[in-house]
Amino acid sequence: MRRAYRVAEASREAWMDAAKGCPCATYFHTPYWYELIAPKRNSGALSVHFDDGASAVVPFAKIGRAGGLLVDHFSSPGGTYGGWLSASILTPEHVKHLFRVLMSKTNLTFRVNPFDPSSRFIGAAGGMDGGLDSIGNTGGINRKDDFTHILDLTKGERAITLGMSKGHKSAIKSAERAGVTVRAAEAPREWDQYYELYRCSLERWRGGGPAMNPRNVYPRSLFRRIREIRTGNETLWLAFKEGVPIAGAVFFYWNGHAVSWHGAASSRYFDARPNNLLYWKIILDAISRGYKTFDFNPSGGYGGVESFKKHFGAGALPTPVISTKTPLRSLVSTVRRALKGGGRR
């Protein structure tokens, strides 16, 4: 059945209401995230209303490049989960039109929301019977497979502990014996100390060669924004030894979903295994507060990071990245890669 629908600009209030009402929305779908990660970009949302009463909101951000000759669109920015927000039960026909609304944005980057059950219908937008798996590197649409690792917190602490590797259990006990403690950051100074941990981590990663070179380097101002604009959904967790922060992680919380966005640690204290205790304490906190999903976030292809998450008993969940590029944008990307010697962007 062909659905009639209309598209209009959505207010920030309507966008926020949609993020609150959509059961599969994450923090990355909220205006909060867009305003933090991309304050200078033109972000907004479109409302889509169907003739059967179903509706959705589609957020996006855009940035002009090359003096405005190029415009890139992101759903959502920072390589995080994108897509639409809806409290309606969406059919393949609805998703077909929502995907087309997204695809109408030139030079689009869209990481599929792994928690949205309607994402399996995405392939229908191109008349493909195989759903999301039908999307390939054809017809101007590129697909890069990726995945995140998650824990089902509804299983409870005991079941999660049983699913953890012996090595991780041992490392947690080792950290506790070494005097490592974990708590949320409180003072502005502690956020600055975390950024210094991040700077040290950057130097270590860069020293690991091109394969370890970070794709993005975040400025201190971003972390200050997160601290200053906190809405109760953002927490910097820190692991301490003798009162000094030695590891940390920034987490975002929304609709029963707790997600690790950023982490850093001092290699000087790796023997104390702070990251194992840090993440375990964050998991326990999320369980105690009734969160349902603990999301480690995609690993960027780093095998060691993936292994760390698997040993917590986390399972992989597909979250492919779909993108489009105009011929001019493709040419600019090719030239940039050549100028960087083929290195990562």
C-alpha atoms as a PDB file:
ATOM      1  CA  MET A   1       0.000   0.000   0.000  1.00  0.00           C
ATOM      2  CA  ARG A   2       1.386   3.389  -0.959  1.00  0.00           C
ATOM      3  CA  ARG A   3       1.489   5.796   1.962  1.00  0.00           C
ATOM      4  CA  ALA A   4       0.949   9.531   1.678  1.00  0.00           C
ATOM      5  CA  TYR A   5       3.102  11.624   3.992  1.00  0.00           C
ATOM      6  CA  ARG A   6       4.140  15.192   4.580  1.00  0.00           C
ATOM      7  CA  VAL A   7       7.469  16.580   5.760  1.00  0.00           C
ATOM      8  CA  ALA A   8       7.986  19.781   7.746  1.00  0.00           C
ATOM      9  CA  GLU A   9      10.607  21.310   9.993  1.00  0.00           C
ATOM     10  CA  ALA A  10      10.391  20.120  13.585  1.00  0.00           C
ATOM     11  CA  SER A  11      10.919  22.438  16.525  1.00  0.00           C
ATOM     12  CA  ARG A  12      13.552  21.642  19.130  1.00  0.00           C
ATOM     13  CA  GLU A  13      10.718  20.890  21.559  1.00  0.00           C
ATOM     14  CA  ALA A  14       9.129  18.394  19.141  1.00  0.00           C
ATOM     15  CA  TRP A  15      12.547  16.815  18.564  1.00  0.00           C
ATOM     16  CA  MET A  16      13.115  16.457  22.301  1.00  0.00           C
ATOM     17  CA  ASP A  17       9.636  15.021  22.842  1.00  0.00           C
ATOM     18  CA  ALA A  18      10.299  12.464  20.100  1.00  0.00           C
ATOM     19  CA  ALA A  19      13.610  11.474  21.718  1.00  0.00           C
ATOM     20  CA  LYS A  20      11.843  11.001  25.052  1.00  0.00           C
ATOM     21  CA  GLY A  21       8.969   9.032  23.538  1.00  0.00           C
ATOM     22  CA  CYS A  22      10.942   6.746  21.225  1.00  0.00           C
ATOM     23  CA  PRO A  23      11.827   3.518  23.095  1.00  0.00           C
ATOM     24  CA  CYS A  24      14.918   2.909  20.946  1.00  0.00           C
ATOM     25  CA  ALA A  25      16.328   6.442  21.155  1.00  0.00           C
ATOM     26  CA  THR A  26      19.783   6.947  22.655  1.00  0.00           C
ATOM     27  CA  TYR A  27      21.473  10.068  23.968  1.00  0.00           C
ATOM     28  CA  PHE A  28      22.988  10.476  20.504  1.00  0.00           C
ATOM     29  CA  HIS A  29      19.503  11.140  19.100  1.00  0.00           C
ATOM     30  CA  THR A  30      18.823  14.089  21.394  1.00  0.00           C
ATOM     31  CA  PRO A  31      19.329  17.803  20.779  1.00  0.00           C
ATOM     32  CA  TYR A  32      21.731  17.693  23.733  1.00  0.00           C
ATOM     33  CA  TRP A  33      24.229  15.596  21.780  1.00  0.00           C
ATOM     34  CA  TYR A  34      24.026  17.679  18.614  1.00  0.00           C
ATOM     35  CA  GLU A  35      24.554  20.869  20.595  1.00  0.00           C
ATOM     36  CA  LEU A  36      27.563  19.391  22.395  1.00  0.00           C
ATOM     37  CA  ILE A  37      29.426  17.712  19.561  1.00  0.00           C
ATOM     38  CA  ALA A  38      28.549  20.107  16.760  1.00  0.00           C
ATOM     39  CA  PRO A  39      27.746  23.547  18.226  1.00  0.00           C
ATOM     40  CA  LYS A  40      28.825  25.406  15.099  1.00  0.00           C
ATOM     41  CA  ARG A  41      27.003  23.148  12.690  1.00  0.00           C
ATOM     42  CA  ASN A  42      23.509  23.789  11.464  1.00  0.00           C
ATOM     43  CA  SER A  43      21.484  21.060  13.131  1.00  0.00           C
ATOM     44  CA  GLY A  44      17.774  20.474  13.174  1.00  0.00           C
ATOM     45  CA  ALA A  45      15.073  17.932  12.573  1.00  0.00           C
ATOM     46  CA  LEU A  46      12.284  17.111  10.156  1.00  0.00           C
ATOM     47  CA  SER A  47       8.875  15.835  11.203  1.00  0.00           C
ATOM     48  CA  VAL A  48       7.257  13.214   8.989  1.00  0.00           C
ATOM     49  CA  HIS A  49       3.509  12.545   9.291  1.00  0.00           C
ATOM     50  CA  PHE A  50       1.803   9.655   7.502  1.00  0.00           C
ATOM     51  CA  ASP A  51      -1.834   9.411   6.454  1.00  0.00           C
ATOM     52  CA  ASP A  52      -2.423   6.465   8.819  1.00  0.00           C
ATOM     53  CA  GLY A  53      -1.463   8.503  11.883  1.00  0.00           C
ATOM     54  CA  ALA A  54       2.107   7.269  12.245  1.00  0.00           C
ATOM     55  CA  SER A  55       4.793   9.917  12.647  1.00  0.00           C
ATOM     56  CA  ALA A  56       8.524  10.292  13.128  1.00  0.00           C
ATOM     57  CA  VAL A  57      11.191  12.922  13.642  1.00  0.00           C
ATOM     58  CA  VAL A  58      14.424  12.778  11.638  1.00  0.00           C
ATOM     59  CA  PRO A  59      17.322  14.773  13.166  1.00  0.00           C
ATOM     60  CA  PHE A  60      20.394  15.758  11.160  1.00  0.00           C
ATOM     61  CA  ALA A  61      23.380  18.089  11.199  1.00  0.00           C
ATOM     62  CA  LYS A  62      25.042  19.750   8.248  1.00  0.00           C
ATOM     63  CA  ILE A  63      28.345  21.469   7.717  1.00  0.00           C
ATOM     64  CA  GLY A  64      29.537  23.541   4.794  1.00  0.00           C
ATOM     65  CA  ARG A  65      33.009  22.972   3.377  1.00  0.00           C
ATOM     66  CA  ALA A  66      35.185  24.552   0.698  1.00  0.00           C
ATOM     67  CA  GLY A  67      33.589  27.932   1.143  1.00  0.00           C
ATOM     68  CA  GLY A  68      30.092  26.500   0.926  1.00  0.00           C
ATOM     69  CA  LEU A  69      30.670  24.584  -2.313  1.00  0.00           C
ATOM     70  CA  LEU A  70      30.188  21.321  -0.424  1.00  0.00           C
ATOM     71  CA  VAL A  71      27.651  20.434   2.245  1.00  0.00           C
ATOM     72  CA  ASP A  72      27.969  17.284   4.345  1.00  0.00           C
ATOM     73  CA  HIS A  73      25.032  15.890   6.304  1.00  0.00           C
ATOM     74  CA  PHE A  74      25.228  13.682   9.378  1.00  0.00           C
ATOM     75  CA  SER A  75      22.681  11.469  11.070  1.00  0.00           C
ATOM     76  CA  SER A  76      24.005  11.808  13.699  1.00  0.00           C
ATOM     77  CA  PRO A  77      27.343  13.667  14.115  1.00  0.00           C
ATOM     78  CA  GLY A  78      30.465  12.178  15.623  1.00  0.00           C
ATOM     79  CA  GLY A  79      29.984   8.748  14.069  1.00  0.00           C
ATOM     80  CA  THR A  80      27.167   7.918  16.496  1.00  0.00           C
ATOM     81  CA  TYR A  81      23.786   6.246  15.993  1.00  0.00           C
ATOM     82  CA  GLY A  82      21.389   8.101  13.735  1.00  0.00           C
ATOM     83  CA  GLY A  83      18.063   7.544  12.031  1.00  0.00           C
ATOM     84  CA  TRP A  84      14.526   8.486  12.976  1.00  0.00           C
ATOM     85  CA  LEU A  85      12.636   8.768  16.239  1.00  0.00           C
ATOM     86  CA  SER A  86       9.138   7.384  16.520  1.00  0.00           C
ATOM     87  CA  ALA A  87       6.705   6.048  19.099  1.00  0.00           C
ATOM     88  CA  SER A  88       4.631   4.534  16.276  1.00  0.00           C
ATOM     89  CA  ILE A  89       4.819   0.942  15.095  1.00  0.00           C
ATOM     90  CA  LEU A  90       6.629   1.374  11.786  1.00  0.00           C
ATOM     91  CA  THR A  91       6.026  -0.883   8.816  1.00  0.00           C
ATOM     92  CA  PRO A  92       8.371  -1.469   5.862  1.00  0.00           C
ATOM     93  CA  GLU A  93       6.362   1.129   3.931  1.00  0.00           C
ATOM     94  CA  HIS A  94       6.914   3.758   6.609  1.00  0.00           C
ATOM     95  CA  VAL A  95      10.636   2.994   6.773  1.00  0.00           C
ATOM     96  CA  LYS A  96      10.943   3.159   2.999  1.00  0.00           C
ATOM     97  CA  HIS A  97       9.768   6.766   3.055  1.00  0.00           C
ATOM     98  CA  LEU A  98      11.776   7.714   6.149  1.00  0.00           C
ATOM     99  CA  PHE A  99      14.913   6.337   4.536  1.00  0.00           C
ATOM    100  CA  ARG A 100      14.185   8.362   1.420  1.00  0.00           C
ATOM    101  CA  VAL A 101      13.846  11.492   3.550  1.00  0.00           C
ATOM    102  CA  LEU A 102      17.327  10.773   4.907  1.00  0.00           C
ATOM    103  CA  MET A 103      18.738   9.951   1.489  1.00  0.00           C
ATOM    104  CA  SER A 104      17.497  13.291   0.154  1.00  0.00           C
ATOM    105  CA  LYS A 105      20.359  14.885   2.104  1.00  0.00           C
ATOM    106  CA  THR A 106      23.505  15.084  -0.017  1.00  0.00           C
ATOM    107  CA  ASN A 107      26.813  13.657   1.217  1.00  0.00           C
ATOM    108  CA  LEU A 108      25.085  11.844   4.043  1.00  0.00           C
ATOM    109  CA  THR A 109      26.729   9.751   6.764  1.00  0.00           C
ATOM    110  CA  PHE A 110      24.275   7.582   8.706  1.00  0.00           C
ATOM    111  CA  ARG A 111      25.147   4.988  11.336  1.00  0.00           C
ATOM    112  CA  VAL A 112      22.188   2.639  11.687  1.00  0.00           C
ATOM    113  CA  ASN A 113      20.657   2.550  15.164  1.00  0.00           C
ATOM    114  CA  PRO A 114      21.188  -1.072  16.306  1.00  0.00           C
ATOM    115  CA  PHE A 115      18.394  -0.784  18.869  1.00  0.00           C
ATOM    116  CA  ASP A 116      15.700   0.211  16.358  1.00  0.00           C
ATOM    117  CA  PRO A 117      13.785  -2.877  15.188  1.00  0.00           C
ATOM    118  CA  SER A 118      12.495  -0.977  12.155  1.00  0.00           C
ATOM    119  CA  SER A 119      16.058  -0.663  10.785  1.00  0.00           C
ATOM    120  CA  ARG A 120      15.750  -4.157   9.325  1.00  0.00           C
ATOM    121  CA  PHE A 121      13.334  -2.674   6.771  1.00  0.00           C
ATOM    122  CA  ILE A 122      15.820  -0.119   5.418  1.00  0.00           C
ATOM    123  CA  GLY A 123      16.588  -2.072   2.241  1.00  0.00           C
ATOM    124  CA  ALA A 124      12.950  -1.669   1.178  1.00  0.00           C
ATOM    125  CA  ALA A 125      13.747   1.960   0.341  1.00  0.00           C
ATOM    126  CA  GLY A 126      15.529   0.744  -2.763  1.00  0.00           C
ATOM    127  CA  GLY A 127      13.016  -1.945  -3.552  1.00  0.00           C
ATOM    128  CA  MET A 128      15.297  -4.602  -2.077  1.00  0.00           C
ATOM    129  CA  ASP A 129      13.724  -7.688  -0.558  1.00  0.00           C
ATOM    130  CA  GLY A 130      16.675  -8.503   1.676  1.00  0.00           C
ATOM    131  CA  GLY A 131      16.145  -5.585   4.088  1.00  0.00           C
ATOM    132  CA  LEU A 132      19.182  -3.882   5.584  1.00  0.00           C
ATOM    133  CA  ASP A 133      21.500  -6.644   4.360  1.00  0.00           C
ATOM    134  CA  SER A 134      20.559  -5.708   0.792  1.00  0.00           C
ATOM    135  CA  ILE A 135      22.225  -2.314   1.078  1.00  0.00           C
ATOM    136  CA  GLY A 136      25.592  -2.561  -0.629  1.00  0.00           C
ATOM    137  CA  ASN A 137      28.177  -0.399  -2.324  1.00  0.00           C
ATOM    138  CA  THR A 138      25.996   0.185  -5.355  1.00  0.00           C
ATOM    139  CA  GLY A 139      23.683   2.859  -6.701  1.00  0.00           C
ATOM    140  CA  GLY A 140      25.611   5.676  -5.054  1.00  0.00           C
ATOM    141  CA  ILE A 141      25.041   4.218  -1.586  1.00  0.00           C
ATOM    142  CA  ASN A 142      28.046   2.911   0.331  1.00  0.00           C
ATOM    143  CA  ARG A 143      27.858   0.574   3.284  1.00  0.00           C
ATOM    144  CA  LYS A 144      30.561  -0.182   5.828  1.00  0.00           C
ATOM    145  CA  ASP A 145      29.801  -2.985   8.259  1.00  0.00           C
ATOM    146  CA  ASP A 146      30.495  -2.328  11.910  1.00  0.00           C
ATOM    147  CA  PHE A 147      29.211  -3.441  15.276  1.00  0.00           C
ATOM    148  CA  THR A 148      28.966  -2.446  18.897  1.00  0.00           C
ATOM    149  CA  HIS A 149      29.160  -4.617  22.013  1.00  0.00           C
ATOM    150  CA  ILE A 150      26.350  -4.630  24.550  1.00  0.00           C
ATOM    151  CA  LEU A 151      25.367  -6.203  27.846  1.00  0.00           C
ATOM    152  CA  ASP A 152      21.757  -6.974  28.724  1.00  0.00           C
ATOM    153  CA  LEU A 153      21.563  -5.474  32.211  1.00  0.00           C
ATOM    154  CA  THR A 154      18.144  -6.985  32.870  1.00  0.00           C
ATOM    155  CA  LYS A 155      19.934 -10.289  33.476  1.00  0.00           C
ATOM    156  CA  GLY A 156      21.248  -8.884  36.732  1.00  0.00           C
ATOM    157  CA  GLU A 157      24.640  -8.735  38.383  1.00  0.00           C
ATOM    158  CA  ARG A 158      24.983 -12.482  39.059  1.00  0.00           C
ATOM    159  CA  ALA A 159      24.304 -13.557  35.471  1.00  0.00           C
ATOM    160  CA  ILE A 160      26.632 -10.894  34.082  1.00  0.00           C
ATOM    161  CA  THR A 161      29.371 -11.945  36.482  1.00  0.00           C
ATOM    162  CA  LEU A 162      29.010 -15.566  35.372  1.00  0.00           C
ATOM    163  CA  GLY A 163      29.392 -14.464  31.743  1.00  0.00           C
ATOM    164  CA  MET A 164      32.601 -12.568  32.422  1.00  0.00           C
ATOM    165  CA  SER A 165      35.997 -14.121  31.657  1.00  0.00           C
ATOM    166  CA  LYS A 166      38.172 -15.398  34.497  1.00  0.00           C
ATOM    167  CA  GLY A 167      40.845 -12.927  33.461  1.00  0.00           C
ATOM    168  CA  HIS A 168      38.497  -9.971  33.865  1.00  0.00           C
ATOM    169  CA  LYS A 169      37.294 -11.186  37.255  1.00  0.00           C
ATOM    170  CA  SER A 170      40.892 -11.571  38.378  1.00  0.00           C
ATOM    171  CA  ALA A 171      41.798  -8.099  37.059  1.00  0.00           C
ATOM    172  CA  ILE A 172      38.921  -6.509  38.993  1.00  0.00           C
ATOM    173  CA  LYS A 173      40.109  -8.106  42.214  1.00  0.00           C
ATOM    174  CA  SER A 174      43.684  -7.103  41.427  1.00  0.00           C
ATOM    175  CA  ALA A 175      42.629  -3.467  40.984  1.00  0.00           C
ATOM    176  CA  GLU A 176      40.796  -3.495  44.292  1.00  0.00           C
ATOM    177  CA  ARG A 177      43.842  -4.989  46.069  1.00  0.00           C
ATOM    178  CA  ALA A 178      45.996  -2.260  44.495  1.00  0.00           C
ATOM    179  CA  GLY A 179      43.792   0.360  46.119  1.00  0.00           C
ATOM    180  CA  VAL A 180      42.026   1.566  42.971  1.00  0.00           C
ATOM    181  CA  THR A 181      38.681   3.277  43.632  1.00  0.00           C
ATOM    182  CA  VAL A 182      35.990   4.509  41.254  1.00  0.00           C
ATOM    183  CA  ARG A 183      33.534   7.396  41.426  1.00  0.00           C
ATOM    184  CA  ALA A 184      31.946  10.069  39.277  1.00  0.00           C
ATOM    185  CA  ALA A 185      33.906  13.294  38.733  1.00  0.00           C
ATOM    186  CA  GLU A 186      32.795  16.145  40.944  1.00  0.00           C
ATOM    187  CA  ALA A 187      35.081  19.180  40.646  1.00  0.00           C
ATOM    188  CA  PRO A 188      35.935  21.028  37.398  1.00  0.00           C
ATOM    189  CA  ARG A 189      39.588  20.240  38.157  1.00  0.00           C
ATOM    190  CA  GLU A 190      38.853  16.531  37.753  1.00  0.00           C
ATOM    191  CA  TRP A 191      37.561  17.099  34.237  1.00  0.00           C
ATOM    192  CA  ASP A 192      40.829  18.889  33.432  1.00  0.00           C
ATOM    193  CA  GLN A 193      42.780  15.984  34.911  1.00  0.00           C
ATOM    194  CA  TYR A 194      40.835  13.628  32.685  1.00  0.00           C
ATOM    195  CA  TYR A 195      41.780  15.670  29.646  1.00  0.00           C
ATOM    196  CA  GLU A 196      45.428  15.297  30.597  1.00  0.00           C
ATOM    197  CA  LEU A 197      44.905  11.526  30.693  1.00  0.00           C
ATOM    198  CA  TYR A 198      43.425  11.837  27.211  1.00  0.00           C
ATOM    199  CA  ARG A 199      46.450  13.801  25.967  1.00  0.00           C
ATOM    200  CA  CYS A 200      48.773  11.110  27.305  1.00  0.00           C
ATOM    201  CA  SER A 201      46.645   8.454  25.642  1.00  0.00           C
ATOM    202  CA  LEU A 202      46.840  10.296  22.333  1.00  0.00           C
ATOM    203  CA  GLU A 203      50.637  10.275  22.478  1.00  0.00           C
ATOM    204  CA  ARG A 204      50.628   6.557  23.242  1.00  0.00           C
ATOM    205  CA  TRP A 205      48.217   5.765  20.417  1.00  0.00           C
ATOM    206  CA  ARG A 206      50.203   7.812  17.927  1.00  0.00           C
ATOM    207  CA  GLY A 207      53.329   5.977  18.990  1.00  0.00           C
ATOM    208  CA  GLY A 208      51.668   2.721  17.981  1.00  0.00           C
ATOM    209  CA  GLY A 209      51.943   3.546  14.290  1.00  0.00           C
ATOM    210  CA  PRO A 210      49.324   4.350  11.600  1.00  0.00           C
ATOM    211  CA  ALA A 211      47.052   1.476  12.648  1.00  0.00           C
ATOM    212  CA  MET A 212      46.610   3.056  16.096  1.00  0.00           C
ATOM    213  CA  ASN A 213      46.429   6.676  14.978  1.00  0.00           C
ATOM    214  CA  PRO A 214      43.154   8.172  16.295  1.00  0.00           C
ATOM    215  CA  ARG A 215      40.591   9.232  13.701  1.00  0.00           C
ATOM    216  CA  ASN A 216      39.370  12.167  15.742  1.00  0.00           C
ATOM    217  CA  VAL A 217      41.076  14.375  18.303  1.00  0.00           C
ATOM    218  CA  TYR A 218      38.670  16.229  20.557  1.00  0.00           C
ATOM    219  CA  PRO A 219      39.503  19.676  21.968  1.00  0.00           C
ATOM    220  CA  ARG A 220      39.484  20.502  25.658  1.00  0.00           C
ATOM    221  CA  SER A 221      36.564  22.844  24.977  1.00  0.00           C
ATOM    222  CA  LEU A 222      34.295  19.886  24.160  1.00  0.00           C
ATOM    223  CA  PHE A 223      34.822  18.312  27.567  1.00  0.00           C
ATOM    224  CA  ARG A 224      34.298  21.658  29.245  1.00  0.00           C
ATOM    225  CA  ARG A 225      31.007  21.986  27.344  1.00  0.00           C
ATOM    226  CA  ILE A 226      29.894  18.574  28.545  1.00  0.00           C
ATOM    227  CA  ARG A 227      30.720  19.555  32.125  1.00  0.00           C
ATOM    228  CA  GLU A 228      29.053  22.952  31.922  1.00  0.00           C
ATOM    229  CA  ILE A 229      25.915  21.883  30.058  1.00  0.00           C
ATOM    230  CA  ARG A 230      25.290  18.686  31.999  1.00  0.00           C
ATOM    231  CA  THR A 231      21.599  17.760  32.034  1.00  0.00           C
ATOM    232  CA  GLY A 232      21.846  14.771  34.371  1.00  0.00           C
ATOM    233  CA  ASN A 233      22.435  12.411  31.450  1.00  0.00           C
ATOM    234  CA  GLU A 234      26.214  12.855  31.224  1.00  0.00           C
ATOM    235  CA  THR A 235      28.775  11.442  33.664  1.00  0.00           C
ATOM    236  CA  LEU A 236      32.555  11.363  33.753  1.00  0.00           C
ATOM    237  CA  TRP A 237      33.647   8.296  35.701  1.00  0.00           C
ATOM    238  CA  LEU A 238      37.158   8.219  37.148  1.00  0.00           C
ATOM    239  CA  ALA A 239      39.395   5.518  38.607  1.00  0.00           C
ATOM    240  CA  PHE A 240      41.725   6.807  41.329  1.00  0.00           C
ATOM    241  CA  LYS A 241      44.874   5.504  42.962  1.00  0.00           C
ATOM    242  CA  GLU A 242      46.117   7.369  46.004  1.00  0.00           C
ATOM    243  CA  GLY A 243      43.774  10.239  45.142  1.00  0.00           C
ATOM    244  CA  VAL A 244      45.086  10.650  41.575  1.00  0.00           C
ATOM    245  CA  PRO A 245      42.879   9.951  38.509  1.00  0.00           C
ATOM    246  CA  ILE A 246      44.537   7.192  36.479  1.00  0.00           C
ATOM    247  CA  ALA A 247      41.712   6.219  34.093  1.00  0.00           C
ATOM    248  CA  GLY A 248      38.323   7.530  33.118  1.00  0.00           C
ATOM    249  CA  ALA A 249      35.348   7.238  30.808  1.00  0.00           C
ATOM    250  CA  VAL A 250      32.577   9.595  29.689  1.00  0.00           C
ATOM    251  CA  PHE A 251      29.146   7.974  29.678  1.00  0.00           C
ATOM    252  CA  PHE A 252      25.792   9.133  28.379  1.00  0.00           C
ATOM    253  CA  TYR A 253      22.419   7.923  29.632  1.00  0.00           C
ATOM    254  CA  TRP A 254      19.029   7.943  27.950  1.00  0.00           C
ATOM    255  CA  ASN A 255      15.848   5.826  27.949  1.00  0.00           C
ATOM    256  CA  GLY A 256      17.361   2.871  29.770  1.00  0.00           C
ATOM    257  CA  HIS A 257      20.493   2.956  27.602  1.00  0.00           C
ATOM    258  CA  ALA A 258      23.942   3.603  29.120  1.00  0.00           C
ATOM    259  CA  VAL A 259      26.714   4.127  26.570  1.00  0.00           C
ATOM    260  CA  SER A 260      30.464   4.609  26.804  1.00  0.00           C
ATOM    261  CA  TRP A 261      31.463   7.482  24.536  1.00  0.00           C
ATOM    262  CA  HIS A 262      35.072   8.254  25.443  1.00  0.00           C
ATOM    263  CA  GLY A 263      37.838   6.726  27.528  1.00  0.00           C
ATOM    264  CA  ALA A 264      41.449   7.400  28.503  1.00  0.00           C
ATOM    265  CA  ALA A 265      44.011   6.005  30.930  1.00  0.00           C
ATOM    266  CA  SER A 266      47.601   6.431  32.097  1.00  0.00           C
ATOM    267  CA  SER A 267      49.866   3.628  30.892  1.00  0.00           C
ATOM    268  CA  ARG A 268      51.926   4.138  34.038  1.00  0.00           C
ATOM    269  CA  TYR A 269      49.194   2.395  36.050  1.00  0.00           C
ATOM    270  CA  PHE A 270      48.167  -0.345  33.624  1.00  0.00           C
ATOM    271  CA  ASP A 271      49.522  -2.998  36.015  1.00  0.00           C
ATOM    272  CA  ALA A 272      46.867  -1.942  38.521  1.00  0.00           C
ATOM    273  CA  ARG A 273      44.165  -2.847  35.950  1.00  0.00           C
ATOM    274  CA  PRO A 274      42.075   0.305  36.528  1.00  0.00           C
ATOM    275  CA  ASN A 275      39.952  -0.011  33.385  1.00  0.00           C
ATOM    276  CA  ASN A 276      38.574  -3.394  34.424  1.00  0.00           C
ATOM    277  CA  LEU A 277      37.393  -2.074  37.791  1.00  0.00           C
ATOM    278  CA  LEU A 278      36.255   1.217  36.235  1.00  0.00           C
ATOM    279  CA  TYR A 279      33.888  -0.436  33.767  1.00  0.00           C
ATOM    280  CA  TRP A 280      32.681  -2.999  36.277  1.00  0.00           C
ATOM    281  CA  LYS A 281      31.688  -0.263  38.739  1.00  0.00           C
ATOM    282  CA  ILE A 282      29.912   1.650  35.948  1.00  0.00           C
ATOM    283  CA  ILE A 283      28.030  -1.519  34.994  1.00  0.00           C
ATOM    284  CA  LEU A 284      26.959  -2.082  38.601  1.00  0.00           C
ATOM    285  CA  ASP A 285      25.816   1.544  38.882  1.00  0.00           C
ATOM    286  CA  ALA A 286      23.722   1.213  35.711  1.00  0.00           C
ATOM    287  CA  ILE A 287      22.114  -1.978  37.048  1.00  0.00           C
ATOM    288  CA  SER A 288      21.291  -0.300  40.373  1.00  0.00           C
ATOM    289  CA  ARG A 289      19.614   2.594  38.554  1.00  0.00           C
ATOM    290  CA  GLY A 290      17.442   0.351  36.411  1.00  0.00           C
ATOM    291  CA  TYR A 291      19.165   0.746  33.051  1.00  0.00           C
ATOM    292  CA  LYS A 292      18.464  -2.071  30.615  1.00  0.00           C
ATOM    293  CA  THR A 293      21.337  -1.868  28.141  1.00  0.00           C
ATOM    294  CA  PHE A 294      25.037  -1.238  28.669  1.00  0.00           C
ATOM    295  CA  ASP A 295      26.576  -0.207  25.363  1.00  0.00           C
ATOM    296  CA  PHE A 296      30.372  -0.303  24.985  1.00  0.00           C
ATOM    297  CA  ASN A 297      30.038   1.505  21.609  1.00  0.00           C
ATOM    298  CA  PRO A 298      31.867   0.493  18.376  1.00  0.00           C
ATOM    299  CA  SER A 299      35.588  -0.224  18.732  1.00  0.00           C
ATOM    300  CA  GLY A 300      36.947   1.369  15.559  1.00  0.00           C
ATOM    301  CA  GLY A 301      38.405  -1.917  14.390  1.00  0.00           C
ATOM    302  CA  TYR A 302      40.884  -2.142  17.270  1.00  0.00           C
ATOM    303  CA  GLY A 303      41.187  -5.810  18.192  1.00  0.00           C
ATOM    304  CA  GLY A 304      42.434  -5.228  21.726  1.00  0.00           C
ATOM    305  CA  VAL A 305      39.480  -2.966  22.493  1.00  0.00           C
ATOM    306  CA  GLU A 306      37.042  -5.527  21.103  1.00  0.00           C
ATOM    307  CA  SER A 307      38.622  -8.267  23.217  1.00  0.00           C
ATOM    308  CA  PHE A 308      38.302  -6.149  26.371  1.00  0.00           C
ATOM    309  CA  LYS A 309      34.562  -5.799  25.765  1.00  0.00           C
ATOM    310  CA  LYS A 310      33.996  -9.453  24.850  1.00  0.00           C
ATOM    311  CA  HIS A 311      35.622 -10.575  28.095  1.00  0.00           C
ATOM    312  CA  PHE A 312      32.912  -8.732  29.999  1.00  0.00           C
ATOM    313  CA  GLY A 313      30.503 -11.112  28.290  1.00  0.00           C
ATOM    314  CA  ALA A 314      29.252  -8.469  25.855  1.00  0.00           C
ATOM    315  CA  GLY A 315      27.670  -9.594  22.593  1.00  0.00           C
ATOM    316  CA  ALA A 316      28.128  -7.958  19.189  1.00  0.00           C
ATOM    317  CA  LEU A 317      25.262  -6.025  17.602  1.00  0.00           C
ATOM    318  CA  PRO A 318      25.512  -4.840  13.962  1.00  0.00           C
ATOM    319  CA  THR A 319      25.524  -1.089  13.346  1.00  0.00           C
ATOM    320  CA  PRO A 320      26.575  -0.491   9.724  1.00  0.00           C
ATOM    321  CA  VAL A 321      27.430   2.955   8.416  1.00  0.00           C
ATOM    322  CA  ILE A 322      25.615   4.048   5.265  1.00  0.00           C
ATOM    323  CA  SER A 323      26.922   6.996   3.272  1.00  0.00           C
ATOM    324  CA  THR A 324      26.462   8.850   0.011  1.00  0.00           C
ATOM    325  CA  LYS A 325      28.768  11.205  -1.855  1.00  0.00           C
ATOM    326  CA  THR A 326      28.287  13.404  -4.858  1.00  0.00           C
ATOM    327  CA  PRO A 327      30.972  13.086  -7.578  1.00  0.00           C
ATOM    328  CA  LEU A 328      32.529  16.368  -6.417  1.00  0.00           C
ATOM    329  CA  ARG A 329      32.595  15.215  -2.791  1.00  0.00           C
ATOM    330  CA  SER A 330      34.181  11.909  -3.813  1.00  0.00           C
ATOM    331  CA  LEU A 331      36.883  13.774  -5.732  1.00  0.00           C
ATOM    332  CA  VAL A 332      37.641  16.017  -2.746  1.00  0.00           C
ATOM    333  CA  SER A 333      37.894  12.955  -0.451  1.00  0.00           C
ATOM    334  CA  THR A 334      40.263  11.224  -2.864  1.00  0.00           C
ATOM    335  CA  VAL A 335      42.526  14.274  -3.068  1.00  0.00           C
ATOM    336  CA  ARG A 336      42.573  14.658   0.720  1.00  0.00           C
ATOM    337  CA  ARG A 337      43.570  11.030   1.199  1.00  0.00           C
ATOM    338  CA  ALA A 338      46.353  11.400  -1.371  1.00  0.00           C
ATOM    339  CA  LEU A 339      47.675  14.507   0.364  1.00  0.00           C
ATOM    340  CA  LYS A 340      47.698  12.639   3.682  1.00  0.00           C
ATOM    341  CA  GLY A 341      49.584   9.743   2.147  1.00  0.00           C
ATOM    342  CA  GLY A 342      46.633   7.401   2.324  1.00  0.00           C
ATOM    343  CA  GLY A 343      46.356   7.762   6.097  1.00  0.00           C
ATOM    344  CA  ARG A 344      43.154   7.544   8.075  1.00  0.00           C
ATOM    345  CA  ARG A 345      40.792  10.472   8.139  1.00  0.00           C
END
